[in-house]
Amino acid sequence: MIITKIEPQQRKPHRKSIYIDGEFAFGIHDEVLLKFGLRRGDHLTPEKVVEITAYEEFRSGREKALKLLNRKPRTERELRTKLLHTGYSETTCERVLAHLREARLIDDLDYARRYAQESMTRKPMGERMLKQRLRQKGIPEDAIQTVLREMFPSESEELRYALELARRRLERHSNLSGHSLQKRSSDQWQEEQTGLSQHKKRIADYLVRRGFDWETVHRVLEEIFSADRIQKE
C-alpha cells in the first residue's frame, strides 16, 4: 500500500485527500498529516491506516467536544451522549473524554459544585431534589455525596434554604402575611383564617415539590405562620 497522491480538498483546504495505489483512501486534517509525517511514496500497512483514521476520528471528536464546551459547561455523560448521537464510536468518545479530563477541561465534581451553588442561589431546593438533578446529569455518586455534604452541612442549612424559598413565595404571591392580619370582626377573622390555611397548604405543597422533607416543611410553616407571630404583628 503506497501513498500515490496527497491533495487539498476543494471546500476544506485544511484537509487533505489521501490516495493509496492510485485510489482515494481517506481524508484527514492537516494536524493528522503532520503528526504521522505522511508523504507521497510512503508505504502503509493496514494497521497503520487504521491508526491514522482512528486518530482522525479522535481529532474530529475532540474538536466537536471543545465546541460544545465553549457553548456551556457539560458533564462527561452529557458530552458522551452528544458525541455518540453525532456518530462517533464508543472508543473515540472514551478517548476524547480521557483527553479532556487530562487537560482539566471537564471535571464532574467541579461542575456539580458550580451547578449546586448557582441553583441554590437562584431558586433553593431540598437535598432530595438536588440529588435527583445531579443524578439526571450523570454526576458520579461519590461526587454527588461530596456536594451534598458541602451544601447541607447540617439540618439547619436545609431549613434556611426552605425558609428563604417560602418567604420569596409569600412575598410574590400573597398579601396574607403576619403583618397584614389586624383586628377584624368575627366573620372576617374566620374568612381570613380559612384563606390562611389554604395559603399554608400551597406553601407546603410548593416546598415539597422543591424537594424538602415534611419535617423541614412543618418547621417552616411554624416559623412563618405561627399564631403567636401573627398576633404579635
C-alpha atoms as a PDB file:
ATOM      1  CA  MET A   1       0.000   0.000   0.000  1.00  0.00           C
ATOM      2  CA  ILE A   2       1.702   3.138  -1.277  1.00  0.00           C
ATOM      3  CA  ILE A   3       0.546   6.750  -0.970  1.00  0.00           C
ATOM      4  CA  THR A   4       0.366   7.901  -4.580  1.00  0.00           C
ATOM      5  CA  LYS A   5      -1.168  11.345  -4.080  1.00  0.00           C
ATOM      6  CA  ILE A   6      -1.945  13.891  -1.351  1.00  0.00           C
ATOM      7  CA  GLU A   7      -4.101  16.823  -2.404  1.00  0.00           C
ATOM      8  CA  PRO A   8      -6.062  19.603  -0.653  1.00  0.00           C
ATOM      9  CA  GLN A   9      -9.820  19.194  -0.591  1.00  0.00           C
ATOM     10  CA  GLN A  10     -11.553  21.922  -2.608  1.00  0.00           C
ATOM     11  CA  ARG A  11     -14.041  23.084   0.023  1.00  0.00           C
ATOM     12  CA  LYS A  12     -11.782  22.428   3.025  1.00  0.00           C
ATOM     13  CA  PRO A  13      -8.174  23.288   2.130  1.00  0.00           C
ATOM     14  CA  HIS A  14      -7.047  22.459   5.694  1.00  0.00           C
ATOM     15  CA  ARG A  15      -7.982  18.864   4.929  1.00  0.00           C
ATOM     16  CA  LYS A  16      -6.143  16.530   2.579  1.00  0.00           C
ATOM     17  CA  SER A  17      -7.342  13.636   0.460  1.00  0.00           C
ATOM     18  CA  ILE A  18      -5.041  10.627   0.641  1.00  0.00           C
ATOM     19  CA  TYR A  19      -4.782   8.320  -2.370  1.00  0.00           C
ATOM     20  CA  ILE A  20      -3.365   4.829  -1.990  1.00  0.00           C
ATOM     21  CA  ASP A  21      -2.322   2.828  -5.030  1.00  0.00           C
ATOM     22  CA  GLY A  22      -4.000   5.369  -7.274  1.00  0.00           C
ATOM     23  CA  GLU A  23      -7.390   5.381  -5.494  1.00  0.00           C
ATOM     24  CA  PHE A  24      -8.893   7.698  -2.890  1.00  0.00           C
ATOM     25  CA  ALA A  25      -8.494   6.087   0.537  1.00  0.00           C
ATOM     26  CA  PHE A  26      -9.479   8.643   3.193  1.00  0.00           C
ATOM     27  CA  GLY A  27      -9.464  12.319   4.144  1.00  0.00           C
ATOM     28  CA  ILE A  28      -7.528  13.779   7.067  1.00  0.00           C
ATOM     29  CA  HIS A  29      -6.888  17.134   8.735  1.00  0.00           C
ATOM     30  CA  ASP A  30      -3.512  18.844   8.333  1.00  0.00           C
ATOM     31  CA  GLU A  31      -2.836  18.113  12.016  1.00  0.00           C
ATOM     32  CA  VAL A  32      -3.036  14.382  11.323  1.00  0.00           C
ATOM     33  CA  LEU A  33      -0.916  14.681   8.206  1.00  0.00           C
ATOM     34  CA  LEU A  34       1.836  16.389  10.208  1.00  0.00           C
ATOM     35  CA  LYS A  35       1.542  14.063  13.201  1.00  0.00           C
ATOM     36  CA  PHE A  36       2.204  10.993  11.061  1.00  0.00           C
ATOM     37  CA  GLY A  37       4.535  12.773   8.634  1.00  0.00           C
ATOM     38  CA  LEU A  38       2.741  11.378   5.602  1.00  0.00           C
ATOM     39  CA  ARG A  39       4.300  11.955   2.195  1.00  0.00           C
ATOM     40  CA  ARG A  40       3.750  10.715  -1.306  1.00  0.00           C
ATOM     41  CA  GLY A  41       5.574   7.441  -1.811  1.00  0.00           C
ATOM     42  CA  ASP A  42       5.210   6.283   1.814  1.00  0.00           C
ATOM     43  CA  HIS A  43       4.405   2.612   2.342  1.00  0.00           C
ATOM     44  CA  LEU A  44       1.478   1.985   4.708  1.00  0.00           C
ATOM     45  CA  THR A  45       0.405  -1.231   6.388  1.00  0.00           C
ATOM     46  CA  PRO A  46      -3.296  -1.931   7.020  1.00  0.00           C
ATOM     47  CA  GLU A  47      -2.600  -1.444  10.746  1.00  0.00           C
ATOM     48  CA  LYS A  48      -1.074   1.965  10.084  1.00  0.00           C
ATOM     49  CA  VAL A  49      -4.103   3.032   8.060  1.00  0.00           C
ATOM     50  CA  VAL A  50      -6.359   2.030  10.973  1.00  0.00           C
ATOM     51  CA  GLU A  51      -4.165   4.033  13.370  1.00  0.00           C
ATOM     52  CA  ILE A  52      -4.258   7.117  11.142  1.00  0.00           C
ATOM     53  CA  THR A  53      -8.018   7.047  10.573  1.00  0.00           C
ATOM     54  CA  ALA A  54      -8.663   6.385  14.286  1.00  0.00           C
ATOM     55  CA  TYR A  55      -6.609   9.434  15.198  1.00  0.00           C
ATOM     56  CA  GLU A  56      -8.502  11.495  12.618  1.00  0.00           C
ATOM     57  CA  GLU A  57     -11.785  10.486  14.249  1.00  0.00           C
ATOM     58  CA  PHE A  58     -10.353  11.324  17.683  1.00  0.00           C
ATOM     59  CA  ARG A  59      -9.229  14.751  16.435  1.00  0.00           C
ATOM     60  CA  SER A  60     -12.658  15.414  14.959  1.00  0.00           C
ATOM     61  CA  GLY A  61     -14.420  14.270  18.142  1.00  0.00           C
ATOM     62  CA  ARG A  62     -12.124  16.409  20.265  1.00  0.00           C
ATOM     63  CA  GLU A  63     -12.955  19.454  18.122  1.00  0.00           C
ATOM     64  CA  LYS A  64     -16.675  18.740  18.423  1.00  0.00           C
ATOM     65  CA  ALA A  65     -16.410  18.358  22.201  1.00  0.00           C
ATOM     66  CA  LEU A  66     -14.494  21.628  22.561  1.00  0.00           C
ATOM     67  CA  LYS A  67     -17.173  23.450  20.587  1.00  0.00           C
ATOM     68  CA  LEU A  68     -19.848  22.004  22.873  1.00  0.00           C
ATOM     69  CA  LEU A  69     -17.908  23.045  25.972  1.00  0.00           C
ATOM     70  CA  ASN A  70     -17.397  26.511  24.559  1.00  0.00           C
ATOM     71  CA  ARG A  71     -21.175  26.988  24.477  1.00  0.00           C
ATOM     72  CA  LYS A  72     -21.724  25.898  28.087  1.00  0.00           C
ATOM     73  CA  PRO A  73     -20.234  23.596  30.747  1.00  0.00           C
ATOM     74  CA  ARG A  74     -21.240  19.946  30.450  1.00  0.00           C
ATOM     75  CA  THR A  75     -20.832  16.719  32.387  1.00  0.00           C
ATOM     76  CA  GLU A  76     -18.973  13.733  30.988  1.00  0.00           C
ATOM     77  CA  ARG A  77     -22.225  11.903  30.353  1.00  0.00           C
ATOM     78  CA  GLU A  78     -23.726  14.865  28.520  1.00  0.00           C
ATOM     79  CA  LEU A  79     -20.657  15.102  26.280  1.00  0.00           C
ATOM     80  CA  ARG A  80     -20.603  11.354  25.641  1.00  0.00           C
ATOM     81  CA  THR A  81     -24.281  11.386  24.688  1.00  0.00           C
ATOM     82  CA  LYS A  82     -23.751  14.290  22.276  1.00  0.00           C
ATOM     83  CA  LEU A  83     -20.737  12.650  20.640  1.00  0.00           C
ATOM     84  CA  LEU A  84     -22.453   9.281  20.270  1.00  0.00           C
ATOM     85  CA  HIS A  85     -25.508  10.975  18.783  1.00  0.00           C
ATOM     86  CA  THR A  86     -23.238  12.724  16.262  1.00  0.00           C
ATOM     87  CA  GLY A  87     -21.896   9.342  15.152  1.00  0.00           C
ATOM     88  CA  TYR A  88     -18.604   8.880  16.976  1.00  0.00           C
ATOM     89  CA  SER A  89     -17.739   5.384  18.206  1.00  0.00           C
ATOM     90  CA  GLU A  90     -17.631   4.401  21.882  1.00  0.00           C
ATOM     91  CA  THR A  91     -13.859   4.019  21.622  1.00  0.00           C
ATOM     92  CA  THR A  92     -13.446   7.515  20.199  1.00  0.00           C
ATOM     93  CA  CYS A  93     -15.756   9.019  22.832  1.00  0.00           C
ATOM     94  CA  GLU A  94     -13.760   7.490  25.673  1.00  0.00           C
ATOM     95  CA  ARG A  95     -10.511   8.655  24.095  1.00  0.00           C
ATOM     96  CA  VAL A  96     -11.832  12.210  23.754  1.00  0.00           C
ATOM     97  CA  LEU A  97     -13.140  12.277  27.332  1.00  0.00           C
ATOM     98  CA  ALA A  98      -9.835  10.961  28.675  1.00  0.00           C
ATOM     99  CA  HIS A  99      -8.015  13.736  26.804  1.00  0.00           C
ATOM    100  CA  LEU A 100     -10.372  16.392  28.201  1.00  0.00           C
ATOM    101  CA  ARG A 101     -10.001  15.068  31.751  1.00  0.00           C
ATOM    102  CA  GLU A 102      -6.222  15.122  31.472  1.00  0.00           C
ATOM    103  CA  ALA A 103      -6.360  18.694  30.159  1.00  0.00           C
ATOM    104  CA  ARG A 104      -8.705  19.599  33.071  1.00  0.00           C
ATOM    105  CA  LEU A 105     -11.353  20.761  30.633  1.00  0.00           C
ATOM    106  CA  ILE A 106     -14.017  18.557  32.221  1.00  0.00           C
ATOM    107  CA  ASP A 107     -14.461  17.781  35.905  1.00  0.00           C
ATOM    108  CA  ASP A 108     -17.764  16.370  37.107  1.00  0.00           C
ATOM    109  CA  LEU A 109     -17.144  17.327  40.734  1.00  0.00           C
ATOM    110  CA  ASP A 110     -16.346  20.923  39.819  1.00  0.00           C
ATOM    111  CA  TYR A 111     -19.404  21.001  37.525  1.00  0.00           C
ATOM    112  CA  ALA A 112     -21.631  19.643  40.315  1.00  0.00           C
ATOM    113  CA  ARG A 113     -20.364  22.243  42.777  1.00  0.00           C
ATOM    114  CA  ARG A 114     -20.979  25.107  40.392  1.00  0.00           C
ATOM    115  CA  TYR A 115     -24.402  23.777  39.402  1.00  0.00           C
ATOM    116  CA  ALA A 116     -25.448  23.369  43.045  1.00  0.00           C
ATOM    117  CA  GLN A 117     -24.251  26.815  44.109  1.00  0.00           C
ATOM    118  CA  GLU A 118     -25.904  28.573  41.175  1.00  0.00           C
ATOM    119  CA  SER A 119     -29.150  26.620  41.573  1.00  0.00           C
ATOM    120  CA  MET A 120     -29.415  27.245  45.306  1.00  0.00           C
ATOM    121  CA  THR A 121     -28.762  30.950  44.824  1.00  0.00           C
ATOM    122  CA  ARG A 122     -31.278  31.301  42.011  1.00  0.00           C
ATOM    123  CA  LYS A 123     -34.033  29.077  43.398  1.00  0.00           C
ATOM    124  CA  PRO A 124     -33.316  26.981  46.514  1.00  0.00           C
ATOM    125  CA  MET A 125     -34.278  23.321  46.614  1.00  0.00           C
ATOM    126  CA  GLY A 126     -34.151  20.496  49.116  1.00  0.00           C
ATOM    127  CA  GLU A 127     -31.395  17.917  49.351  1.00  0.00           C
ATOM    128  CA  ARG A 128     -33.619  15.305  47.717  1.00  0.00           C
ATOM    129  CA  MET A 129     -34.243  17.393  44.593  1.00  0.00           C
ATOM    130  CA  LEU A 130     -30.621  18.480  44.259  1.00  0.00           C
ATOM    131  CA  LYS A 131     -29.512  14.856  44.443  1.00  0.00           C
ATOM    132  CA  GLN A 132     -32.049  13.919  41.751  1.00  0.00           C
ATOM    133  CA  ARG A 133     -30.947  16.767  39.472  1.00  0.00           C
ATOM    134  CA  LEU A 134     -27.278  15.799  39.753  1.00  0.00           C
ATOM    135  CA  ARG A 135     -28.049  12.147  39.048  1.00  0.00           C
ATOM    136  CA  GLN A 136     -30.010  13.130  35.957  1.00  0.00           C
ATOM    137  CA  LYS A 137     -26.916  14.918  34.674  1.00  0.00           C
ATOM    138  CA  GLY A 138     -24.814  11.808  35.138  1.00  0.00           C
ATOM    139  CA  ILE A 139     -22.719  13.031  38.057  1.00  0.00           C
ATOM    140  CA  PRO A 140     -20.972  10.086  39.804  1.00  0.00           C
ATOM    141  CA  GLU A 141     -22.426   9.121  43.178  1.00  0.00           C
ATOM    142  CA  ASP A 142     -19.265   9.941  45.127  1.00  0.00           C
ATOM    143  CA  ALA A 143     -19.218  13.465  43.661  1.00  0.00           C
ATOM    144  CA  ILE A 144     -22.924  13.885  44.472  1.00  0.00           C
ATOM    145  CA  GLN A 145     -22.361  12.924  48.106  1.00  0.00           C
ATOM    146  CA  THR A 146     -19.442  15.355  48.367  1.00  0.00           C
ATOM    147  CA  VAL A 147     -21.551  18.231  47.047  1.00  0.00           C
ATOM    148  CA  LEU A 148     -24.496  17.382  49.296  1.00  0.00           C
ATOM    149  CA  ARG A 149     -22.240  17.411  52.362  1.00  0.00           C
ATOM    150  CA  GLU A 150     -20.909  20.808  51.324  1.00  0.00           C
ATOM    151  CA  MET A 151     -24.307  22.333  50.559  1.00  0.00           C
ATOM    152  CA  PHE A 152     -26.144  20.792  53.538  1.00  0.00           C
ATOM    153  CA  PRO A 153     -23.576  20.508  56.357  1.00  0.00           C
ATOM    154  CA  SER A 154     -26.435  20.392  58.888  1.00  0.00           C
ATOM    155  CA  GLU A 155     -30.224  20.224  59.103  1.00  0.00           C
ATOM    156  CA  SER A 156     -30.315  23.924  59.892  1.00  0.00           C
ATOM    157  CA  GLU A 157     -28.854  24.677  56.470  1.00  0.00           C
ATOM    158  CA  GLU A 158     -31.713  22.955  54.656  1.00  0.00           C
ATOM    159  CA  LEU A 159     -34.169  24.785  56.917  1.00  0.00           C
ATOM    160  CA  ARG A 160     -32.507  28.067  55.994  1.00  0.00           C
ATOM    161  CA  TYR A 161     -32.935  27.331  52.283  1.00  0.00           C
ATOM    162  CA  ALA A 162     -36.575  26.324  52.809  1.00  0.00           C
ATOM    163  CA  LEU A 163     -37.349  29.484  54.783  1.00  0.00           C
ATOM    164  CA  GLU A 164     -35.741  31.637  52.126  1.00  0.00           C
ATOM    165  CA  LEU A 165     -37.772  29.989  49.383  1.00  0.00           C
ATOM    166  CA  ALA A 166     -41.029  30.157  51.344  1.00  0.00           C
ATOM    167  CA  ARG A 167     -40.576  33.843  52.104  1.00  0.00           C
ATOM    168  CA  ARG A 168     -39.868  34.597  48.464  1.00  0.00           C
ATOM    169  CA  ARG A 169     -43.047  32.750  47.529  1.00  0.00           C
ATOM    170  CA  LEU A 170     -45.023  34.519  50.230  1.00  0.00           C
ATOM    171  CA  GLU A 171     -43.921  37.974  49.121  1.00  0.00           C
ATOM    172  CA  ARG A 172     -44.575  37.256  45.475  1.00  0.00           C
ATOM    173  CA  HIS A 173     -47.967  35.563  45.624  1.00  0.00           C
ATOM    174  CA  SER A 174     -49.729  36.671  48.773  1.00  0.00           C
ATOM    175  CA  ASN A 175     -50.902  39.600  50.826  1.00  0.00           C
ATOM    176  CA  LEU A 176     -51.621  37.155  53.640  1.00  0.00           C
ATOM    177  CA  SER A 177     -48.624  37.644  55.885  1.00  0.00           C
ATOM    178  CA  GLY A 178     -48.479  38.179  59.620  1.00  0.00           C
ATOM    179  CA  HIS A 179     -48.281  41.950  59.498  1.00  0.00           C
ATOM    180  CA  SER A 180     -51.448  42.154  57.374  1.00  0.00           C
ATOM    181  CA  LEU A 181     -53.650  40.387  59.908  1.00  0.00           C
ATOM    182  CA  GLN A 182     -55.057  43.149  62.114  1.00  0.00           C
ATOM    183  CA  LYS A 183     -58.229  43.265  64.217  1.00  0.00           C
ATOM    184  CA  ARG A 184     -61.253  42.075  62.295  1.00  0.00           C
ATOM    185  CA  SER A 185     -64.854  41.149  63.003  1.00  0.00           C
ATOM    186  CA  SER A 186     -65.521  37.500  63.858  1.00  0.00           C
ATOM    187  CA  ASP A 187     -66.734  36.667  60.328  1.00  0.00           C
ATOM    188  CA  GLN A 188     -63.817  38.451  58.755  1.00  0.00           C
ATOM    189  CA  TRP A 189     -61.431  36.655  61.065  1.00  0.00           C
ATOM    190  CA  GLN A 190     -62.866  33.238  60.169  1.00  0.00           C
ATOM    191  CA  GLU A 191     -62.656  34.072  56.482  1.00  0.00           C
ATOM    192  CA  GLU A 192     -59.052  35.149  56.859  1.00  0.00           C
ATOM    193  CA  GLN A 193     -58.189  32.008  58.813  1.00  0.00           C
ATOM    194  CA  THR A 194     -59.629  29.873  56.011  1.00  0.00           C
ATOM    195  CA  GLY A 195     -57.570  31.785  53.490  1.00  0.00           C
ATOM    196  CA  LEU A 196     -54.524  31.435  55.690  1.00  0.00           C
ATOM    197  CA  SER A 197     -54.960  27.647  55.901  1.00  0.00           C
ATOM    198  CA  GLN A 198     -55.258  27.402  52.138  1.00  0.00           C
ATOM    199  CA  HIS A 199     -52.184  29.542  51.739  1.00  0.00           C
ATOM    200  CA  LYS A 200     -50.218  27.409  54.187  1.00  0.00           C
ATOM    201  CA  LYS A 201     -51.149  24.339  52.148  1.00  0.00           C
ATOM    202  CA  ARG A 202     -49.970  25.987  48.929  1.00  0.00           C
ATOM    203  CA  ILE A 203     -46.659  26.925  50.532  1.00  0.00           C
ATOM    204  CA  ALA A 204     -46.266  23.411  51.963  1.00  0.00           C
ATOM    205  CA  ASP A 205     -47.032  21.747  48.628  1.00  0.00           C
ATOM    206  CA  TYR A 206     -44.584  24.056  46.882  1.00  0.00           C
ATOM    207  CA  LEU A 207     -41.771  23.241  49.310  1.00  0.00           C
ATOM    208  CA  VAL A 208     -42.396  19.512  48.947  1.00  0.00           C
ATOM    209  CA  ARG A 209     -42.237  19.839  45.167  1.00  0.00           C
ATOM    210  CA  ARG A 210     -38.897  21.612  45.618  1.00  0.00           C
ATOM    211  CA  GLY A 211     -37.534  18.556  47.391  1.00  0.00           C
ATOM    212  CA  PHE A 212     -37.851  19.469  51.072  1.00  0.00           C
ATOM    213  CA  ASP A 213     -38.939  16.770  53.527  1.00  0.00           C
ATOM    214  CA  TRP A 214     -42.098  17.091  55.596  1.00  0.00           C
ATOM    215  CA  GLU A 215     -40.237  17.741  58.844  1.00  0.00           C
ATOM    216  CA  THR A 216     -38.481  20.741  57.317  1.00  0.00           C
ATOM    217  CA  VAL A 217     -41.723  21.971  55.744  1.00  0.00           C
ATOM    218  CA  HIS A 218     -43.519  21.748  59.091  1.00  0.00           C
ATOM    219  CA  ARG A 219     -40.795  23.794  60.789  1.00  0.00           C
ATOM    220  CA  VAL A 220     -41.033  26.428  58.050  1.00  0.00           C
ATOM    221  CA  LEU A 221     -44.798  26.734  58.476  1.00  0.00           C
ATOM    222  CA  GLU A 222     -44.364  27.060  62.234  1.00  0.00           C
ATOM    223  CA  GLU A 223     -41.796  29.780  61.730  1.00  0.00           C
ATOM    224  CA  ILE A 224     -43.827  31.816  59.243  1.00  0.00           C
ATOM    225  CA  PHE A 225     -47.456  31.192  60.183  1.00  0.00           C
ATOM    226  CA  SER A 226     -47.392  30.537  63.933  1.00  0.00           C
ATOM    227  CA  ALA A 227     -50.333  32.116  65.776  1.00  0.00           C
ATOM    228  CA  ASP A 228     -48.007  33.846  68.226  1.00  0.00           C
ATOM    229  CA  ARG A 229     -46.090  35.578  65.468  1.00  0.00           C
ATOM    230  CA  ILE A 230     -49.276  36.672  63.724  1.00  0.00           C
ATOM    231  CA  GLN A 231     -50.761  38.079  66.918  1.00  0.00           C
ATOM    232  CA  LYS A 232     -47.587  39.983  67.709  1.00  0.00           C
ATOM    233  CA  GLU A 233     -47.710  41.596  64.307  1.00  0.00           C
END
